[in-house]
């Protein structure tokens, strides 16, 4: 699978910093590492650092224009949006692979 994750703005590339890290971001970081270890291509983008990735993907760009930043995160699996406004569970990604 090729997975592109369009993240909301965070304080650092992982979003896991400060005095109280978000458990959901920790879970997502672990999920990304597991997917990579299993041989999947995974890329994460933040608007302030990777603006061209957001505009290069027509689906993501249109969603941002219509819904603003509240649509983030957006998770694209093999060119199909699989999660909008939330991070998916591993099962959701595996189901996407089987579809």
Protein backbone atom coordinates (compact mmCIF):
# COMPACT_ATOMS: atom_id res chain seq x y z
CA UNK A 1 0.00 0.00 0.00
CA UNK A 2 0.98 3.59 -0.58
CA UNK A 3 -0.24 5.72 2.30
CA UNK A 4 -0.13 9.52 2.42
CA UNK A 5 -1.03 11.26 5.67
CA UNK A 6 -1.90 14.94 5.52
CA UNK A 7 -1.53 16.07 9.14
CA UNK A 8 -2.89 19.17 10.84
CA UNK A 9 -0.30 21.66 12.05
CA UNK A 10 1.72 20.37 14.97
CA UNK A 11 4.54 21.74 17.08
CA UNK A 12 7.00 19.26 15.55
CA UNK A 13 7.02 16.61 12.85
CA UNK A 14 5.54 13.97 15.15
CA UNK A 15 3.28 16.17 17.25
CA UNK A 16 4.59 14.27 20.26
CA UNK A 17 6.21 17.01 22.27
CA UNK A 18 5.54 19.26 25.20
CA UNK A 19 4.48 18.26 28.68
CA UNK A 20 1.43 16.20 27.68
CA UNK A 21 1.81 14.41 24.33
CA UNK A 22 -1.40 13.38 22.56
CA UNK A 23 -1.89 9.59 22.89
CA UNK A 24 -3.55 9.51 19.47
CA UNK A 25 -0.39 10.92 17.86
CA UNK A 26 1.71 8.36 19.68
CA UNK A 27 -0.58 5.60 18.40
CA UNK A 28 -0.37 6.96 14.87
CA UNK A 29 3.42 7.17 15.03
CA UNK A 30 3.56 3.53 16.09
CA UNK A 31 1.12 2.58 13.31
CA UNK A 32 3.30 4.35 10.72
CA UNK A 33 6.40 2.49 11.92
CA UNK A 34 4.55 -0.85 11.78
CA UNK A 35 3.31 -0.15 8.25
CA UNK A 36 6.82 0.77 7.10
CA UNK A 37 8.26 -2.36 8.73
CA UNK A 38 5.66 -4.40 6.83
CA UNK A 39 6.94 -2.90 3.56
CA UNK A 40 4.31 -0.24 2.89
CA UNK A 41 5.17 3.20 1.59
CA UNK A 42 4.09 5.83 4.13
CA UNK A 43 4.56 9.59 3.87
CA UNK A 44 3.39 12.28 6.30
CA UNK A 45 2.92 15.91 5.34
CA UNK A 46 2.29 19.14 7.27
CA UNK A 47 1.05 22.21 5.45
CA UNK A 48 3.75 24.54 6.79
CA UNK A 49 6.54 22.17 5.72
CA UNK A 50 5.09 20.40 2.67
CA UNK A 51 2.57 22.79 1.08
CA UNK A 52 3.15 21.40 -2.41
CA UNK A 53 2.01 17.92 -1.29
CA UNK A 54 -1.34 19.42 -0.26
CA UNK A 55 -1.82 21.23 -3.56
CA UNK A 56 -0.48 18.39 -5.71
CA UNK A 57 -3.20 16.01 -4.48
CA UNK A 58 -6.40 17.34 -6.09
CA UNK A 59 -8.71 15.52 -3.65
CA UNK A 60 -6.90 16.88 -0.60
CA UNK A 61 -6.70 20.37 -2.07
CA UNK A 62 -10.45 20.47 -2.82
CA UNK A 63 -11.32 19.17 0.65
CA UNK A 64 -9.18 21.89 2.23
CA UNK A 65 -10.78 24.58 0.08
CA UNK A 66 -14.29 23.42 1.03
CA UNK A 67 -13.80 22.44 4.66
CA UNK A 68 -10.73 24.29 5.87
CA UNK A 69 -8.26 22.89 8.37
CA UNK A 70 -10.95 20.98 10.29
CA UNK A 71 -10.86 18.24 7.60
CA UNK A 72 -7.33 17.30 8.68
CA UNK A 73 -5.93 14.76 9.12
CA UNK A 74 -6.64 13.21 5.74
CA UNK A 75 -5.34 9.71 5.07
CA UNK A 76 -5.03 8.58 1.45
CA UNK A 77 -4.44 4.91 0.66
CA UNK A 78 -3.53 4.00 -2.91
CA UNK A 79 -5.04 7.30 -4.18
CA UNK A 80 -8.33 6.84 -2.27
CA UNK A 81 -9.27 8.88 0.79
CA UNK A 82 -9.75 6.42 3.65
CA UNK A 83 -9.95 8.75 6.66
CA UNK A 84 -11.07 12.34 6.99
CA UNK A 85 -10.79 14.39 10.17
CA UNK A 86 -9.36 11.47 12.16
CA UNK A 87 -6.53 8.99 12.17
CA UNK A 88 -7.56 5.46 11.15
CA UNK A 89 -7.08 2.25 13.08
CA UNK A 90 -4.88 -0.48 11.58
CA UNK A 91 -8.00 -2.53 10.77
CA UNK A 92 -9.38 0.34 8.66
CA UNK A 93 -6.20 0.42 6.59
CA UNK A 94 -6.14 -3.35 6.15
CA UNK A 95 -9.80 -3.28 5.05
CA UNK A 96 -8.85 -0.60 2.54
CA UNK A 97 -6.19 -2.93 1.15
CA UNK A 98 -8.72 -5.73 0.66
CA UNK A 99 -11.32 -3.50 -1.04
